[in-house]
Amino acid sequence: MIDVAAGEWESNVAMQLRSQKTGTGRVRVSQIDDTRTLGQLVGAAAAIAPGQPAICKPGLTITFGQLATSAVGAVGAMSGGDVIDDSALTVALMMNVPGLALSGPTGLAATLISLRVQASVALAGAERA
């Protein structure tokens, strides 16, 4: 698990939800459209590879299609929209990943990092195909 010092977890979580473009033009995770938020990446991955795993834990696999469906449901209930935003994605993760809420900010940050990597891999695979 990622060790995040107290006070740093908020910036780590926010960094994973936002784009991964750096000031130097380098991309931290992938060369996939680095201006997208994590919600946009998840939505794009769900459209291209809905059956690909987004979250994998012992005894649990959540696909991008399942996660996006849950996030769209959350955003519909919260704001009436249809675009996956940070809040809706976080609610969908908390609803679908047992123990995530209990894992605290460090667990959420680790999950968001993993989700960003999985979405980037799904999109990169689709671009190569």
C-alpha atoms as a PDB file:
ATOM      1  CA  MET A   1       0.000   0.000   0.000  1.00  0.00           C
ATOM      2  CA  ILE A   2       1.155   3.527  -0.687  1.00  0.00           C
ATOM      3  CA  ASP A   3       2.475   5.316   2.374  1.00  0.00           C
ATOM      4  CA  VAL A   4       1.131   8.853   2.387  1.00  0.00           C
ATOM      5  CA  ALA A   5       2.098  11.144   5.252  1.00  0.00           C
ATOM      6  CA  ALA A   6      -0.634  12.924   7.163  1.00  0.00           C
ATOM      7  CA  GLY A   7      -1.694  16.086   5.372  1.00  0.00           C
ATOM      8  CA  GLU A   8      -0.467  14.849   1.988  1.00  0.00           C
ATOM      9  CA  TRP A   9      -3.350  12.501   1.232  1.00  0.00           C
ATOM     10  CA  GLU A  10      -5.669  15.274   0.016  1.00  0.00           C
ATOM     11  CA  SER A  11      -3.220  16.407  -2.631  1.00  0.00           C
ATOM     12  CA  ASN A  12      -2.538  12.794  -3.619  1.00  0.00           C
ATOM     13  CA  VAL A  13      -6.245  12.048  -4.049  1.00  0.00           C
ATOM     14  CA  ALA A  14      -6.814  15.304  -5.947  1.00  0.00           C
ATOM     15  CA  MET A  15      -3.826  14.574  -8.171  1.00  0.00           C
ATOM     16  CA  GLN A  16      -5.253  11.191  -9.157  1.00  0.00           C
ATOM     17  CA  LEU A  17      -8.666  12.624  -9.948  1.00  0.00           C
ATOM     18  CA  ARG A  18      -7.199  15.405 -12.115  1.00  0.00           C
ATOM     19  CA  SER A  19      -5.156  15.115 -15.280  1.00  0.00           C
ATOM     20  CA  GLN A  20      -1.604  13.803 -15.158  1.00  0.00           C
ATOM     21  CA  LYS A  21       0.082  16.426 -17.355  1.00  0.00           C
ATOM     22  CA  THR A  22       3.203  17.863 -15.765  1.00  0.00           C
ATOM     23  CA  GLY A  23       4.644  21.344 -16.224  1.00  0.00           C
ATOM     24  CA  THR A  24       7.408  19.914 -18.409  1.00  0.00           C
ATOM     25  CA  GLY A  25       4.935  18.339 -20.805  1.00  0.00           C
ATOM     26  CA  ARG A  26       5.813  14.842 -19.571  1.00  0.00           C
ATOM     27  CA  VAL A  27       2.980  12.537 -18.634  1.00  0.00           C
ATOM     28  CA  ARG A  28       3.248  10.574 -15.426  1.00  0.00           C
ATOM     29  CA  VAL A  29       1.198   7.500 -16.265  1.00  0.00           C
ATOM     30  CA  SER A  30       0.760   7.248 -20.002  1.00  0.00           C
ATOM     31  CA  GLN A  31       0.617   9.089 -23.271  1.00  0.00           C
ATOM     32  CA  ILE A  32      -3.171   8.790 -23.331  1.00  0.00           C
ATOM     33  CA  ASP A  33      -4.925  12.188 -23.535  1.00  0.00           C
ATOM     34  CA  ASP A  34      -3.434  13.618 -20.346  1.00  0.00           C
ATOM     35  CA  THR A  35      -5.955  16.432 -20.104  1.00  0.00           C
ATOM     36  CA  ARG A  36      -8.732  14.074 -18.989  1.00  0.00           C
ATOM     37  CA  THR A  37      -9.853  13.683 -15.407  1.00  0.00           C
ATOM     38  CA  LEU A  38     -10.031  10.225 -13.887  1.00  0.00           C
ATOM     39  CA  GLY A  39     -13.813  10.240 -14.379  1.00  0.00           C
ATOM     40  CA  GLN A  40     -13.333  10.974 -18.073  1.00  0.00           C
ATOM     41  CA  LEU A  41     -10.723   8.220 -18.368  1.00  0.00           C
ATOM     42  CA  VAL A  42     -13.059   5.733 -16.687  1.00  0.00           C
ATOM     43  CA  GLY A  43     -15.919   6.761 -19.003  1.00  0.00           C
ATOM     44  CA  ALA A  44     -13.694   6.390 -22.066  1.00  0.00           C
ATOM     45  CA  ALA A  45     -12.385   3.008 -20.902  1.00  0.00           C
ATOM     46  CA  ALA A  46     -15.956   1.838 -20.261  1.00  0.00           C
ATOM     47  CA  ALA A  47     -16.953   2.841 -23.788  1.00  0.00           C
ATOM     48  CA  ILE A  48     -13.986   1.051 -25.371  1.00  0.00           C
ATOM     49  CA  ALA A  49     -13.431  -1.921 -23.053  1.00  0.00           C
ATOM     50  CA  PRO A  50     -16.455  -2.330 -20.749  1.00  0.00           C
ATOM     51  CA  GLY A  51     -15.497  -5.865 -19.728  1.00  0.00           C
ATOM     52  CA  GLN A  52     -11.907  -5.047 -18.788  1.00  0.00           C
ATOM     53  CA  PRO A  53     -11.172  -5.033 -15.047  1.00  0.00           C
ATOM     54  CA  ALA A  54     -11.029  -1.608 -13.448  1.00  0.00           C
ATOM     55  CA  ILE A  55     -10.593  -2.771  -9.848  1.00  0.00           C
ATOM     56  CA  CYS A  56      -9.151  -6.136  -8.840  1.00  0.00           C
ATOM     57  CA  LYS A  57      -8.967  -7.318  -5.258  1.00  0.00           C
ATOM     58  CA  PRO A  58      -8.981 -10.834  -3.839  1.00  0.00           C
ATOM     59  CA  GLY A  59     -12.466 -12.156  -4.504  1.00  0.00           C
ATOM     60  CA  LEU A  60     -13.604  -9.008  -6.324  1.00  0.00           C
ATOM     61  CA  THR A  61     -13.351  -7.747  -9.881  1.00  0.00           C
ATOM     62  CA  ILE A  62     -15.206  -4.644 -11.029  1.00  0.00           C
ATOM     63  CA  THR A  63     -15.167  -3.917 -14.744  1.00  0.00           C
ATOM     64  CA  PHE A  64     -15.058  -0.482 -16.316  1.00  0.00           C
ATOM     65  CA  GLY A  65     -18.613  -1.014 -17.542  1.00  0.00           C
ATOM     66  CA  GLN A  66     -19.870  -1.818 -14.056  1.00  0.00           C
ATOM     67  CA  LEU A  67     -17.991   1.095 -12.475  1.00  0.00           C
ATOM     68  CA  ALA A  68     -19.160   3.585 -15.104  1.00  0.00           C
ATOM     69  CA  THR A  69     -22.783   2.425 -14.769  1.00  0.00           C
ATOM     70  CA  SER A  70     -22.608   2.887 -11.016  1.00  0.00           C
ATOM     71  CA  ALA A  71     -20.919   6.305 -11.355  1.00  0.00           C
ATOM     72  CA  VAL A  72     -23.503   7.520 -13.902  1.00  0.00           C
ATOM     73  CA  GLY A  73     -26.233   6.387 -11.503  1.00  0.00           C
ATOM     74  CA  ALA A  74     -24.570   8.325  -8.690  1.00  0.00           C
ATOM     75  CA  VAL A  75     -24.157  11.484 -10.749  1.00  0.00           C
ATOM     76  CA  GLY A  76     -27.787  11.227 -11.860  1.00  0.00           C
ATOM     77  CA  ALA A  77     -28.934  11.001  -8.263  1.00  0.00           C
ATOM     78  CA  MET A  78     -26.647  13.789  -7.062  1.00  0.00           C
ATOM     79  CA  SER A  79     -26.850  16.370  -9.840  1.00  0.00           C
ATOM     80  CA  GLY A  80     -29.097  15.034 -12.567  1.00  0.00           C
ATOM     81  CA  GLY A  81     -26.252  15.039 -15.088  1.00  0.00           C
ATOM     82  CA  ASP A  82     -24.719  12.247 -17.093  1.00  0.00           C
ATOM     83  CA  VAL A  83     -20.982  13.031 -16.945  1.00  0.00           C
ATOM     84  CA  ILE A  84     -18.872  11.104 -14.440  1.00  0.00           C
ATOM     85  CA  ASP A  85     -17.355  13.666 -12.092  1.00  0.00           C
ATOM     86  CA  ASP A  86     -15.041  13.261  -9.094  1.00  0.00           C
ATOM     87  CA  SER A  87     -17.845  12.962  -6.564  1.00  0.00           C
ATOM     88  CA  ALA A  88     -19.799  10.398  -8.564  1.00  0.00           C
ATOM     89  CA  LEU A  89     -16.698   8.293  -9.169  1.00  0.00           C
ATOM     90  CA  THR A  90     -15.815   8.378  -5.482  1.00  0.00           C
ATOM     91  CA  VAL A  91     -19.376   7.400  -4.501  1.00  0.00           C
ATOM     92  CA  ALA A  92     -19.358   4.552  -7.042  1.00  0.00           C
ATOM     93  CA  LEU A  93     -16.061   3.265  -5.676  1.00  0.00           C
ATOM     94  CA  MET A  94     -17.255   3.482  -2.063  1.00  0.00           C
ATOM     95  CA  MET A  95     -20.463   1.610  -2.975  1.00  0.00           C
ATOM     96  CA  ASN A  96     -18.745  -1.146  -4.935  1.00  0.00           C
ATOM     97  CA  VAL A  97     -15.416  -1.781  -3.217  1.00  0.00           C
ATOM     98  CA  PRO A  98     -15.976  -3.398   0.181  1.00  0.00           C
ATOM     99  CA  GLY A  99     -13.784  -1.918   2.896  1.00  0.00           C
ATOM    100  CA  LEU A 100     -12.655   1.068   0.825  1.00  0.00           C
ATOM    101  CA  ALA A 101     -14.310   3.585   3.147  1.00  0.00           C
ATOM    102  CA  LEU A 102     -12.662   1.899   6.128  1.00  0.00           C
ATOM    103  CA  SER A 103      -9.234   1.994   4.467  1.00  0.00           C
ATOM    104  CA  GLY A 104      -9.191   5.759   4.843  1.00  0.00           C
ATOM    105  CA  PRO A 105      -7.503   8.319   2.630  1.00  0.00           C
ATOM    106  CA  THR A 106      -4.494   6.121   1.971  1.00  0.00           C
ATOM    107  CA  GLY A 107      -6.699   3.304   0.677  1.00  0.00           C
ATOM    108  CA  LEU A 108      -8.662   5.715  -1.509  1.00  0.00           C
ATOM    109  CA  ALA A 109      -5.465   7.228  -2.930  1.00  0.00           C
ATOM    110  CA  ALA A 110      -4.065   3.771  -3.720  1.00  0.00           C
ATOM    111  CA  THR A 111      -7.339   2.771  -5.393  1.00  0.00           C
ATOM    112  CA  LEU A 112      -7.396   5.948  -7.497  1.00  0.00           C
ATOM    113  CA  ILE A 113      -3.790   5.412  -8.580  1.00  0.00           C
ATOM    114  CA  SER A 114      -4.568   1.834  -9.570  1.00  0.00           C
ATOM    115  CA  LEU A 115      -7.725   2.905 -11.391  1.00  0.00           C
ATOM    116  CA  ARG A 116      -5.836   5.562 -13.380  1.00  0.00           C
ATOM    117  CA  VAL A 117      -3.240   2.984 -14.432  1.00  0.00           C
ATOM    118  CA  GLN A 118      -5.909   0.420 -15.396  1.00  0.00           C
ATOM    119  CA  ALA A 119      -7.847   3.001 -17.439  1.00  0.00           C
ATOM    120  CA  SER A 120      -4.671   4.137 -19.186  1.00  0.00           C
ATOM    121  CA  VAL A 121      -3.784   0.531 -20.026  1.00  0.00           C
ATOM    122  CA  ALA A 122      -7.292  -0.129 -21.371  1.00  0.00           C
ATOM    123  CA  LEU A 123      -7.167   2.969 -23.570  1.00  0.00           C
ATOM    124  CA  ALA A 124      -3.612   2.272 -24.751  1.00  0.00           C
ATOM    125  CA  GLY A 125      -4.614  -1.268 -25.691  1.00  0.00           C
ATOM    126  CA  ALA A 126      -7.567   0.017 -27.671  1.00  0.00           C
ATOM    127  CA  GLU A 127      -5.367   2.539 -29.504  1.00  0.00           C
ATOM    128  CA  ARG A 128      -2.911  -0.182 -30.496  1.00  0.00           C
ATOM    129  CA  ALA A 129      -5.626  -2.525 -31.747  1.00  0.00           C
END
